[in-house]
Structures are given as C-alpha cells and as structure tokens.
Amino acid sequence: FRSSGQDLTTWGTYTEMVSRFTEPVLLALAILAMRSRIK
C-alpha cells in the first residue's frame, strides 16, 4: 500500500489498508457485472 502520510491511529491505518485493497476488487466486480448485462 501507499501510505497517505497522515498520522492515523492503529485502527485508522488498518482501515485505510483494507479500503485500499477492497476498492479495486469492488470496481472489478462492478465492471464484470456491467459486462455480463451488456452481453
């Protein structure tokens, strides 16, 4: 991950890491859902 450079708490840091991982996964799932609807 790329750090945001902000001073976060431990929970905030891990929340940021989880969101940075899940955002591309959710975007890929949305693209696959649109692709299946278009086909």
PDB file of all heavy atoms in Angstrom:
ATOM      1  N   PHE A   1       0.829  -1.197   0.000  1.00  0.00           N
ATOM      2  CA  PHE A   1       0.000   0.000   0.000  1.00  0.00           C
ATOM      3  C   PHE A   1       0.863   1.248   0.000  1.00  0.00           C
ATOM      4  O   PHE A   1       2.001   1.225   0.428  1.00  0.00           O
ATOM      5  CB  PHE A   1      -0.901   0.028   1.239  1.00  0.00           C
ATOM      6  CG  PHE A   1      -1.730  -1.202   1.388  1.00  0.00           C
ATOM      7  CD1 PHE A   1      -1.404  -2.158   2.323  1.00  0.00           C
ATOM      8  CD2 PHE A   1      -2.831  -1.399   0.587  1.00  0.00           C
ATOM      9  CE1 PHE A   1      -2.171  -3.291   2.457  1.00  0.00           C
ATOM     10  CE2 PHE A   1      -3.599  -2.528   0.724  1.00  0.00           C
ATOM     11  CZ  PHE A   1      -3.269  -3.479   1.656  1.00  0.00           C
ATOM     12  N   ARG A   2       0.268   2.329  -0.446  1.00  0.00           N
ATOM     13  CA  ARG A   2       0.924   3.630  -0.336  1.00  0.00           C
ATOM     14  C   ARG A   2       0.353   4.323   0.878  1.00  0.00           C
ATOM     15  O   ARG A   2      -0.857   4.434   1.034  1.00  0.00           O
ATOM     16  CB  ARG A   2       0.640   4.467  -1.584  1.00  0.00           C
ATOM     17  CG  ARG A   2       1.223   3.893  -2.840  1.00  0.00           C
ATOM     18  CD  ARG A   2       0.887   4.765  -4.048  1.00  0.00           C
ATOM     19  NE  ARG A   2      -0.476   5.257  -4.073  1.00  0.00           N
ATOM     20  CZ  ARG A   2      -1.500   4.635  -4.627  1.00  0.00           C
ATOM     21  NH1 ARG A   2      -1.320   3.477  -5.190  1.00  0.00           N
ATOM     22  NH2 ARG A   2      -2.704   5.178  -4.627  1.00  0.00           N
ATOM     23  N   SER A   3       1.201   4.816   1.700  1.00  0.00           N
ATOM     24  CA  SER A   3       0.738   5.497   2.903  1.00  0.00           C
ATOM     25  C   SER A   3       0.200   6.866   2.529  1.00  0.00           C
ATOM     26  O   SER A   3       0.712   7.537   1.644  1.00  0.00           O
ATOM     27  CB  SER A   3       1.881   5.647   3.890  1.00  0.00           C
ATOM     28  OG  SER A   3       1.458   6.335   5.032  1.00  0.00           O
ATOM     29  N   SER A   4      -0.842   7.291   3.245  1.00  0.00           N
ATOM     30  CA  SER A   4      -1.446   8.591   2.958  1.00  0.00           C
ATOM     31  C   SER A   4      -0.621   9.731   3.520  1.00  0.00           C
ATOM     32  O   SER A   4      -0.839  10.885   3.177  1.00  0.00           O
ATOM     33  CB  SER A   4      -2.863   8.649   3.523  1.00  0.00           C
ATOM     34  OG  SER A   4      -2.814   8.582   4.927  1.00  0.00           O
ATOM     35  N   GLY A   5       0.287   9.430   4.430  1.00  0.00           N
ATOM     36  CA  GLY A   5       1.113  10.467   5.021  1.00  0.00           C
ATOM     37  C   GLY A   5       0.476  11.150   6.203  1.00  0.00           C
ATOM     38  O   GLY A   5       1.061  12.032   6.799  1.00  0.00           O
ATOM     39  N   GLN A   6      -0.738  10.743   6.548  1.00  0.00           N
ATOM     40  CA  GLN A   6      -1.421  11.313   7.701  1.00  0.00           C
ATOM     41  C   GLN A   6      -1.088  10.489   8.942  1.00  0.00           C
ATOM     42  O   GLN A   6      -0.822   9.298   8.855  1.00  0.00           O
ATOM     43  CB  GLN A   6      -2.930  11.310   7.492  1.00  0.00           C
ATOM     44  CG  GLN A   6      -3.379  12.163   6.344  1.00  0.00           C
ATOM     45  CD  GLN A   6      -4.881  12.054   6.143  1.00  0.00           C
ATOM     46  OE1 GLN A   6      -5.536  11.221   6.730  1.00  0.00           O
ATOM     47  NE2 GLN A   6      -5.408  12.907   5.282  1.00  0.00           N
ATOM     48  N   ASP A   7      -1.110  11.148  10.091  1.00  0.00           N
ATOM     49  CA  ASP A   7      -0.914  10.435  11.339  1.00  0.00           C
ATOM     50  C   ASP A   7      -2.253   9.846  11.775  1.00  0.00           C
ATOM     51  O   ASP A   7      -3.142  10.558  12.237  1.00  0.00           O
ATOM     52  CB  ASP A   7      -0.377  11.375  12.423  1.00  0.00           C
ATOM     53  CG  ASP A   7       1.040  11.815  12.129  1.00  0.00           C
ATOM     54  OD1 ASP A   7       1.755  11.056  11.431  1.00  0.00           O
ATOM     55  OD2 ASP A   7       1.427  12.893  12.576  1.00  0.00           O
ATOM     56  N   LEU A   8      -2.399   8.535  11.593  1.00  0.00           N
ATOM     57  CA  LEU A   8      -3.636   7.849  11.933  1.00  0.00           C
ATOM     58  C   LEU A   8      -3.408   6.943  13.137  1.00  0.00           C
ATOM     59  O   LEU A   8      -2.276   6.564  13.437  1.00  0.00           O
ATOM     60  CB  LEU A   8      -4.118   6.998  10.750  1.00  0.00           C
ATOM     61  CG  LEU A   8      -4.422   7.734   9.453  1.00  0.00           C
ATOM     62  CD1 LEU A   8      -4.738   6.731   8.356  1.00  0.00           C
ATOM     63  CD2 LEU A   8      -5.586   8.680   9.653  1.00  0.00           C
ATOM     64  N   THR A   9      -4.504   6.576  13.781  1.00  0.00           N
ATOM     65  CA  THR A   9      -4.403   5.589  14.846  1.00  0.00           C
ATOM     66  C   THR A   9      -4.148   4.226  14.224  1.00  0.00           C
ATOM     67  O   THR A   9      -4.195   4.067  12.993  1.00  0.00           O
ATOM     68  CB  THR A   9      -5.698   5.542  15.669  1.00  0.00           C
ATOM     69  OG1 THR A   9      -6.766   5.135  14.804  1.00  0.00           O
ATOM     70  CG2 THR A   9      -6.010   6.894  16.289  1.00  0.00           C
ATOM     71  N   THR A  10      -3.902   3.234  15.053  1.00  0.00           N
ATOM     72  CA  THR A  10      -3.661   1.886  14.540  1.00  0.00           C
ATOM     73  C   THR A  10      -4.872   1.382  13.769  1.00  0.00           C
ATOM     74  O   THR A  10      -4.741   0.843  12.664  1.00  0.00           O
ATOM     75  CB  THR A  10      -3.343   0.931  15.698  1.00  0.00           C
ATOM     76  OG1 THR A  10      -2.204   1.436  16.405  1.00  0.00           O
ATOM     77  CG2 THR A  10      -3.032  -0.457  15.192  1.00  0.00           C
ATOM     78  N   TRP A  11      -6.062   1.588  14.337  1.00  0.00           N
ATOM     79  CA  TRP A  11      -7.274   1.158  13.642  1.00  0.00           C
ATOM     80  C   TRP A  11      -7.484   1.932  12.351  1.00  0.00           C
ATOM     81  O   TRP A  11      -7.925   1.375  11.346  1.00  0.00           O
ATOM     82  CB  TRP A  11      -8.491   1.320  14.554  1.00  0.00           C
ATOM     83  CG  TRP A  11      -8.556   0.243  15.592  1.00  0.00           C
ATOM     84  CD1 TRP A  11      -8.243   0.362  16.912  1.00  0.00           C
ATOM     85  CD2 TRP A  11      -8.916  -1.117  15.397  1.00  0.00           C
ATOM     86  NE1 TRP A  11      -8.401  -0.844  17.548  1.00  0.00           N
ATOM     87  CE2 TRP A  11      -8.822  -1.774  16.635  1.00  0.00           C
ATOM     88  CE3 TRP A  11      -9.319  -1.848  14.291  1.00  0.00           C
ATOM     89  CZ2 TRP A  11      -9.110  -3.122  16.794  1.00  0.00           C
ATOM     90  CZ3 TRP A  11      -9.609  -3.194  14.460  1.00  0.00           C
ATOM     91  CH2 TRP A  11      -9.500  -3.813  15.694  1.00  0.00           C
ATOM     92  N   GLY A  12      -7.174   3.199  12.355  1.00  0.00           N
ATOM     93  CA  GLY A  12      -7.302   4.002  11.145  1.00  0.00           C
ATOM     94  C   GLY A  12      -6.359   3.544  10.054  1.00  0.00           C
ATOM     95  O   GLY A  12      -6.719   3.499   8.872  1.00  0.00           O
ATOM     96  N   THR A  13      -5.151   3.174  10.439  1.00  0.00           N
ATOM     97  CA  THR A  13      -4.171   2.681   9.464  1.00  0.00           C
ATOM     98  C   THR A  13      -4.643   1.387   8.831  1.00  0.00           C
ATOM     99  O   THR A  13      -4.592   1.224   7.608  1.00  0.00           O
ATOM    100  CB  THR A  13      -2.815   2.470  10.149  1.00  0.00           C
ATOM    101  OG1 THR A  13      -2.390   3.699  10.731  1.00  0.00           O
ATOM    102  CG2 THR A  13      -1.777   2.008   9.148  1.00  0.00           C
ATOM    103  N   TYR A  14      -5.110   0.458   9.664  1.00  0.00           N
ATOM    104  CA  TYR A  14      -5.578  -0.816   9.110  1.00  0.00           C
ATOM    105  C   TYR A  14      -6.860  -0.645   8.307  1.00  0.00           C
ATOM    106  O   TYR A  14      -7.055  -1.325   7.301  1.00  0.00           O
ATOM    107  CB  TYR A  14      -5.762  -1.848  10.219  1.00  0.00           C
ATOM    108  CG  TYR A  14      -4.441  -2.353  10.756  1.00  0.00           C
ATOM    109  CD1 TYR A  14      -4.147  -2.288  12.105  1.00  0.00           C
ATOM    110  CD2 TYR A  14      -3.483  -2.872   9.904  1.00  0.00           C
ATOM    111  CE1 TYR A  14      -2.939  -2.737  12.598  1.00  0.00           C
ATOM    112  CE2 TYR A  14      -2.268  -3.317  10.380  1.00  0.00           C
ATOM    113  CZ  TYR A  14      -2.005  -3.257  11.724  1.00  0.00           C
ATOM    114  OH  TYR A  14      -0.807  -3.701  12.200  1.00  0.00           O
ATOM    115  N   THR A  15      -7.729   0.273   8.696  1.00  0.00           N
ATOM    116  CA  THR A  15      -8.929   0.550   7.915  1.00  0.00           C
ATOM    117  C   THR A  15      -8.556   1.093   6.541  1.00  0.00           C
ATOM    118  O   THR A  15      -9.139   0.707   5.519  1.00  0.00           O
ATOM    119  CB  THR A  15      -9.830   1.558   8.658  1.00  0.00           C
ATOM    120  OG1 THR A  15     -10.166   1.018   9.926  1.00  0.00           O
ATOM    121  CG2 THR A  15     -11.078   1.861   7.868  1.00  0.00           C
ATOM    122  N   GLU A  16      -7.561   1.970   6.503  1.00  0.00           N
ATOM    123  CA  GLU A  16      -7.097   2.510   5.230  1.00  0.00           C
ATOM    124  C   GLU A  16      -6.519   1.401   4.349  1.00  0.00           C
ATOM    125  O   GLU A  16      -6.778   1.352   3.143  1.00  0.00           O
ATOM    126  CB  GLU A  16      -6.038   3.585   5.487  1.00  0.00           C
ATOM    127  CG  GLU A  16      -5.517   4.216   4.214  1.00  0.00           C
ATOM    128  CD  GLU A  16      -4.393   5.198   4.469  1.00  0.00           C
ATOM    129  OE1 GLU A  16      -3.642   5.018   5.458  1.00  0.00           O
ATOM    130  OE2 GLU A  16      -4.255   6.121   3.661  1.00  0.00           O
ATOM    131  N   MET A  17      -5.767   0.479   4.948  1.00  0.00           N
ATOM    132  CA  MET A  17      -5.190  -0.628   4.177  1.00  0.00           C
ATOM    133  C   MET A  17      -6.281  -1.527   3.609  1.00  0.00           C
ATOM    134  O   MET A  17      -6.211  -1.925   2.443  1.00  0.00           O
ATOM    135  CB  MET A  17      -4.256  -1.444   5.064  1.00  0.00           C
ATOM    136  CG  MET A  17      -2.989  -0.766   5.411  1.00  0.00           C
ATOM    137  SD  MET A  17      -2.020  -1.830   6.481  1.00  0.00           S
ATOM    138  CE  MET A  17      -0.700  -0.738   6.929  1.00  0.00           C
ATOM    139  N   VAL A  18      -7.290  -1.833   4.416  1.00  0.00           N
ATOM    140  CA  VAL A  18      -8.384  -2.688   3.948  1.00  0.00           C
ATOM    141  C   VAL A  18      -9.157  -2.000   2.832  1.00  0.00           C
ATOM    142  O   VAL A  18      -9.498  -2.623   1.820  1.00  0.00           O
ATOM    143  CB  VAL A  18      -9.320  -3.062   5.126  1.00  0.00           C
ATOM    144  CG1 VAL A  18     -10.610  -3.679   4.639  1.00  0.00           C
ATOM    145  CG2 VAL A  18      -8.602  -4.003   6.074  1.00  0.00           C
ATOM    146  N   SER A  19      -9.404  -0.703   2.972  1.00  0.00           N
ATOM    147  CA  SER A  19     -10.148   0.001   1.929  1.00  0.00           C
ATOM    148  C   SER A  19      -9.338   0.099   0.638  1.00  0.00           C
ATOM    149  O   SER A  19      -9.904  -0.015  -0.446  1.00  0.00           O
ATOM    150  CB  SER A  19     -10.554   1.391   2.405  1.00  0.00           C
ATOM    151  OG  SER A  19      -9.423   2.231   2.529  1.00  0.00           O
ATOM    152  N   ARG A  20      -8.036   0.262   0.751  1.00  0.00           N
ATOM    153  CA  ARG A  20      -7.208   0.308  -0.461  1.00  0.00           C
ATOM    154  C   ARG A  20      -7.185  -1.038  -1.173  1.00  0.00           C
ATOM    155  O   ARG A  20      -7.007  -1.107  -2.381  1.00  0.00           O
ATOM    156  CB  ARG A  20      -5.781   0.736  -0.129  1.00  0.00           C
ATOM    157  CG  ARG A  20      -5.665   2.201   0.175  1.00  0.00           C
ATOM    158  CD  ARG A  20      -4.209   2.577   0.351  1.00  0.00           C
ATOM    159  NE  ARG A  20      -4.077   3.947   0.750  1.00  0.00           N
ATOM    160  CZ  ARG A  20      -3.844   4.940  -0.104  1.00  0.00           C
ATOM    161  NH1 ARG A  20      -3.726   4.676  -1.380  1.00  0.00           N
ATOM    162  NH2 ARG A  20      -3.740   6.173   0.331  1.00  0.00           N
ATOM    163  N   PHE A  21      -7.380  -2.124  -0.426  1.00  0.00           N
ATOM    164  CA  PHE A  21      -7.419  -3.445  -1.047  1.00  0.00           C
ATOM    165  C   PHE A  21      -8.784  -3.735  -1.641  1.00  0.00           C
ATOM    166  O   PHE A  21      -8.886  -4.296  -2.737  1.00  0.00           O
ATOM    167  CB  PHE A  21      -7.060  -4.525  -0.021  1.00  0.00           C
ATOM    168  CG  PHE A  21      -7.140  -5.913  -0.566  1.00  0.00           C
ATOM    169  CD1 PHE A  21      -6.169  -6.391  -1.426  1.00  0.00           C
ATOM    170  CD2 PHE A  21      -8.197  -6.734  -0.230  1.00  0.00           C
ATOM    171  CE1 PHE A  21      -6.248  -7.669  -1.939  1.00  0.00           C
ATOM    172  CE2 PHE A  21      -8.286  -8.012  -0.732  1.00  0.00           C
ATOM    173  CZ  PHE A  21      -7.307  -8.489  -1.594  1.00  0.00           C
ATOM    174  N   THR A  22      -9.860  -3.368  -0.942  1.00  0.00           N
ATOM    175  CA  THR A  22     -11.198  -3.735  -1.396  1.00  0.00           C
ATOM    176  C   THR A  22     -11.735  -2.843  -2.513  1.00  0.00           C
ATOM    177  O   THR A  22     -12.577  -3.293  -3.291  1.00  0.00           O
ATOM    178  CB  THR A  22     -12.200  -3.723  -0.230  1.00  0.00           C
ATOM    179  OG1 THR A  22     -12.184  -2.443   0.378  1.00  0.00           O
ATOM    180  CG2 THR A  22     -11.876  -4.790   0.781  1.00  0.00           C
ATOM    181  N   GLU A  23     -11.278  -1.615  -2.611  1.00  0.00           N
ATOM    182  CA  GLU A  23     -11.782  -0.729  -3.664  1.00  0.00           C
ATOM    183  C   GLU A  23     -11.534  -1.290  -5.063  1.00  0.00           C
ATOM    184  O   GLU A  23     -12.463  -1.335  -5.877  1.00  0.00           O
ATOM    185  CB  GLU A  23     -11.183   0.662  -3.515  1.00  0.00           C
ATOM    186  CG  GLU A  23     -11.753   1.444  -2.354  1.00  0.00           C
ATOM    187  CD  GLU A  23     -10.990   2.723  -2.076  1.00  0.00           C
ATOM    188  OE1 GLU A  23     -10.050   3.048  -2.834  1.00  0.00           O
ATOM    189  OE2 GLU A  23     -11.337   3.409  -1.103  1.00  0.00           O
ATOM    190  N   PRO A  24     -10.321  -1.737  -5.417  1.00  0.00           N
ATOM    191  CA  PRO A  24     -10.134  -2.307  -6.757  1.00  0.00           C
ATOM    192  C   PRO A  24     -10.930  -3.599  -6.972  1.00  0.00           C
ATOM    193  O   PRO A  24     -11.406  -3.857  -8.076  1.00  0.00           O
ATOM    194  CB  PRO A  24      -8.632  -2.591  -6.827  1.00  0.00           C
ATOM    195  CG  PRO A  24      -8.011  -1.773  -5.777  1.00  0.00           C
ATOM    196  CD  PRO A  24      -9.039  -1.594  -4.725  1.00  0.00           C
ATOM    197  N   VAL A  25     -11.094  -4.384  -5.921  1.00  0.00           N
ATOM    198  CA  VAL A  25     -11.870  -5.618  -6.038  1.00  0.00           C
ATOM    199  C   VAL A  25     -13.335  -5.294  -6.342  1.00  0.00           C
ATOM    200  O   VAL A  25     -13.940  -5.895  -7.242  1.00  0.00           O
ATOM    201  CB  VAL A  25     -11.755  -6.464  -4.745  1.00  0.00           C
ATOM    202  CG1 VAL A  25     -12.719  -7.629  -4.770  1.00  0.00           C
ATOM    203  CG2 VAL A  25     -10.328  -6.933  -4.548  1.00  0.00           C
ATOM    204  N   LEU A  26     -13.900  -4.332  -5.634  1.00  0.00           N
ATOM    205  CA  LEU A  26     -15.288  -3.944  -5.893  1.00  0.00           C
ATOM    206  C   LEU A  26     -15.453  -3.317  -7.271  1.00  0.00           C
ATOM    207  O   LEU A  26     -16.453  -3.548  -7.957  1.00  0.00           O
ATOM    208  CB  LEU A  26     -15.772  -2.983  -4.806  1.00  0.00           C
ATOM    209  CG  LEU A  26     -15.920  -3.585  -3.410  1.00  0.00           C
ATOM    210  CD1 LEU A  26     -16.272  -2.496  -2.415  1.00  0.00           C
ATOM    211  CD2 LEU A  26     -16.957  -4.681  -3.409  1.00  0.00           C
ATOM    212  N   LEU A  27     -14.475  -2.546  -7.708  1.00  0.00           N
ATOM    213  CA  LEU A  27     -14.522  -1.961  -9.046  1.00  0.00           C
ATOM    214  C   LEU A  27     -14.490  -3.051 -10.112  1.00  0.00           C
ATOM    215  O   LEU A  27     -15.249  -2.999 -11.092  1.00  0.00           O
ATOM    216  CB  LEU A  27     -13.356  -0.990  -9.237  1.00  0.00           C
ATOM    217  CG  LEU A  27     -13.283  -0.264 -10.566  1.00  0.00           C
ATOM    218  CD1 LEU A  27     -14.520   0.612 -10.756  1.00  0.00           C
ATOM    219  CD2 LEU A  27     -12.028   0.575 -10.646  1.00  0.00           C
ATOM    220  N   ALA A  28     -13.632  -4.053  -9.935  1.00  0.00           N
ATOM    221  CA  ALA A  28     -13.569  -5.158 -10.894  1.00  0.00           C
ATOM    222  C   ALA A  28     -14.879  -5.933 -10.927  1.00  0.00           C
ATOM    223  O   ALA A  28     -15.353  -6.323 -12.007  1.00  0.00           O
ATOM    224  CB  ALA A  28     -12.411  -6.087 -10.541  1.00  0.00           C
ATOM    225  N   LEU A  29     -15.491  -6.153  -9.774  1.00  0.00           N
ATOM    226  CA  LEU A  29     -16.777  -6.854  -9.745  1.00  0.00           C
ATOM    227  C   LEU A  29     -17.875  -6.042 -10.431  1.00  0.00           C
ATOM    228  O   LEU A  29     -18.727  -6.604 -11.126  1.00  0.00           O
ATOM    229  CB  LEU A  29     -17.170  -7.168  -8.306  1.00  0.00           C
ATOM    230  CG  LEU A  29     -16.351  -8.259  -7.612  1.00  0.00           C
ATOM    231  CD1 LEU A  29     -16.739  -8.348  -6.146  1.00  0.00           C
ATOM    232  CD2 LEU A  29     -16.526  -9.591  -8.306  1.00  0.00           C
ATOM    233  N   ALA A  30     -17.855  -4.738 -10.264  1.00  0.00           N
ATOM    234  CA  ALA A  30     -18.843  -3.888 -10.932  1.00  0.00           C
ATOM    235  C   ALA A  30     -18.662  -3.931 -12.444  1.00  0.00           C
ATOM    236  O   ALA A  30     -19.645  -3.997 -13.195  1.00  0.00           O
ATOM    237  CB  ALA A  30     -18.718  -2.456 -10.422  1.00  0.00           C
ATOM    238  N   ILE A  31     -17.431  -3.912 -12.897  1.00  0.00           N
ATOM    239  CA  ILE A  31     -17.166  -3.983 -14.341  1.00  0.00           C
ATOM    240  C   ILE A  31     -17.627  -5.319 -14.900  1.00  0.00           C
ATOM    241  O   ILE A  31     -18.234  -5.388 -15.976  1.00  0.00           O
ATOM    242  CB  ILE A  31     -15.671  -3.733 -14.624  1.00  0.00           C
ATOM    243  CG1 ILE A  31     -15.343  -2.270 -14.326  1.00  0.00           C
ATOM    244  CG2 ILE A  31     -15.304  -4.103 -16.043  1.00  0.00           C
ATOM    245  CD1 ILE A  31     -13.869  -1.941 -14.363  1.00  0.00           C
ATOM    246  N   LEU A  32     -17.358  -6.407 -14.173  1.00  0.00           N
ATOM    247  CA  LEU A  32     -17.818  -7.722 -14.631  1.00  0.00           C
ATOM    248  C   LEU A  32     -19.343  -7.798 -14.656  1.00  0.00           C
ATOM    249  O   LEU A  32     -19.920  -8.409 -15.562  1.00  0.00           O
ATOM    250  CB  LEU A  32     -17.252  -8.822 -13.727  1.00  0.00           C
ATOM    251  CG  LEU A  32     -15.777  -9.127 -13.913  1.00  0.00           C
ATOM    252  CD1 LEU A  32     -15.315 -10.121 -12.853  1.00  0.00           C
ATOM    253  CD2 LEU A  32     -15.511  -9.664 -15.302  1.00  0.00           C
ATOM    254  N   ALA A  33     -20.012  -7.186 -13.705  1.00  0.00           N
ATOM    255  CA  ALA A  33     -21.479  -7.196 -13.682  1.00  0.00           C
ATOM    256  C   ALA A  33     -22.035  -6.415 -14.872  1.00  0.00           C
ATOM    257  O   ALA A  33     -22.993  -6.855 -15.514  1.00  0.00           O
ATOM    258  CB  ALA A  33     -21.983  -6.607 -12.371  1.00  0.00           C
ATOM    259  N   MET A  34     -21.443  -5.264 -15.176  1.00  0.00           N
ATOM    260  CA  MET A  34     -21.898  -4.484 -16.339  1.00  0.00           C
ATOM    261  C   MET A  34     -21.626  -5.239 -17.625  1.00  0.00           C
ATOM    262  O   MET A  34     -22.456  -5.235 -18.541  1.00  0.00           O
ATOM    263  CB  MET A  34     -21.193  -3.126 -16.368  1.00  0.00           C
ATOM    264  CG  MET A  34     -21.677  -2.173 -15.316  1.00  0.00           C
ATOM    265  SD  MET A  34     -21.069  -0.485 -15.475  1.00  0.00           S
ATOM    266  CE  MET A  34     -19.316  -0.698 -15.558  1.00  0.00           C
ATOM    267  N   ARG A  35     -20.499  -5.899 -17.697  1.00  0.00           N
ATOM    268  CA  ARG A  35     -20.143  -6.657 -18.904  1.00  0.00           C
ATOM    269  C   ARG A  35     -21.143  -7.778 -19.151  1.00  0.00           C
ATOM    270  O   ARG A  35     -21.560  -8.014 -20.287  1.00  0.00           O
ATOM    271  CB  ARG A  35     -18.744  -7.225 -18.745  1.00  0.00           C
ATOM    272  CG  ARG A  35     -18.275  -8.006 -19.906  1.00  0.00           C
ATOM    273  CD  ARG A  35     -16.843  -8.468 -19.704  1.00  0.00           C
ATOM    274  NE  ARG A  35     -16.497  -9.453 -20.697  1.00  0.00           N
ATOM    275  CZ  ARG A  35     -16.078 -10.669 -20.431  1.00  0.00           C
ATOM    276  NH1 ARG A  35     -15.921 -11.057 -19.190  1.00  0.00           N
ATOM    277  NH2 ARG A  35     -15.786 -11.505 -21.400  1.00  0.00           N
ATOM    278  N   SER A  36     -21.529  -8.464 -18.064  1.00  0.00           N
ATOM    279  CA  SER A  36     -22.482  -9.558 -18.246  1.00  0.00           C
ATOM    280  C   SER A  36     -23.870  -9.029 -18.654  1.00  0.00           C
ATOM    281  O   SER A  36     -24.587  -9.703 -19.385  1.00  0.00           O
ATOM    282  CB  SER A  36     -22.579 -10.400 -16.984  1.00  0.00           C
ATOM    283  OG  SER A  36     -23.175  -9.672 -15.953  1.00  0.00           O
ATOM    284  N   ARG A  37     -24.249  -7.846 -18.170  1.00  0.00           N
ATOM    285  CA  ARG A  37     -25.530  -7.265 -18.557  1.00  0.00           C
ATOM    286  C   ARG A  37     -25.517  -6.812 -20.013  1.00  0.00           C
ATOM    287  O   ARG A  37     -26.528  -6.896 -20.712  1.00  0.00           O
ATOM    288  CB  ARG A  37     -25.882  -6.087 -17.649  1.00  0.00           C
ATOM    289  CG  ARG A  37     -26.129  -6.453 -16.211  1.00  0.00           C
ATOM    290  CD  ARG A  37     -27.345  -7.281 -16.050  1.00  0.00           C
ATOM    291  NE  ARG A  37     -28.544  -6.489 -16.205  1.00  0.00           N
ATOM    292  CZ  ARG A  37     -29.763  -6.949 -16.142  1.00  0.00           C
ATOM    293  NH1 ARG A  37     -29.962  -8.230 -15.916  1.00  0.00           N
ATOM    294  NH2 ARG A  37     -30.788  -6.162 -16.302  1.00  0.00           N
ATOM    295  N   ILE A  38     -24.397  -6.309 -20.467  1.00  0.00           N
ATOM    296  CA  ILE A  38     -24.294  -5.823 -21.839  1.00  0.00           C
ATOM    297  C   ILE A  38     -24.287  -6.989 -22.827  1.00  0.00           C
ATOM    298  O   ILE A  38     -24.853  -6.906 -23.899  1.00  0.00           O
ATOM    299  CB  ILE A  38     -23.029  -4.943 -22.006  1.00  0.00           C
ATOM    300  CG1 ILE A  38     -23.210  -3.653 -21.216  1.00  0.00           C
ATOM    301  CG2 ILE A  38     -22.736  -4.652 -23.460  1.00  0.00           C
ATOM    302  CD1 ILE A  38     -21.949  -2.807 -21.141  1.00  0.00           C
ATOM    303  N   LYS A  39     -23.667  -8.097 -22.452  1.00  0.00           N
ATOM    304  CA  LYS A  39     -23.575  -9.250 -23.349  1.00  0.00           C
ATOM    305  C   LYS A  39     -24.924  -9.933 -23.575  1.00  0.00           C
ATOM    306  O   LYS A  39     -25.109 -10.613 -24.572  1.00  0.00           O
ATOM    307  CB  LYS A  39     -22.592 -10.271 -22.784  1.00  0.00           C
ATOM    308  CG  LYS A  39     -21.140  -9.833 -22.920  1.00  0.00           C
ATOM    309  CD  LYS A  39     -20.216 -10.858 -22.344  1.00  0.00           C
ATOM    310  CE  LYS A  39     -19.919 -11.879 -23.393  1.00  0.00           C
ATOM    311  NZ  LYS A  39     -18.887 -12.832 -22.957  1.00  0.00           N
TER     312      LYS A  39
END
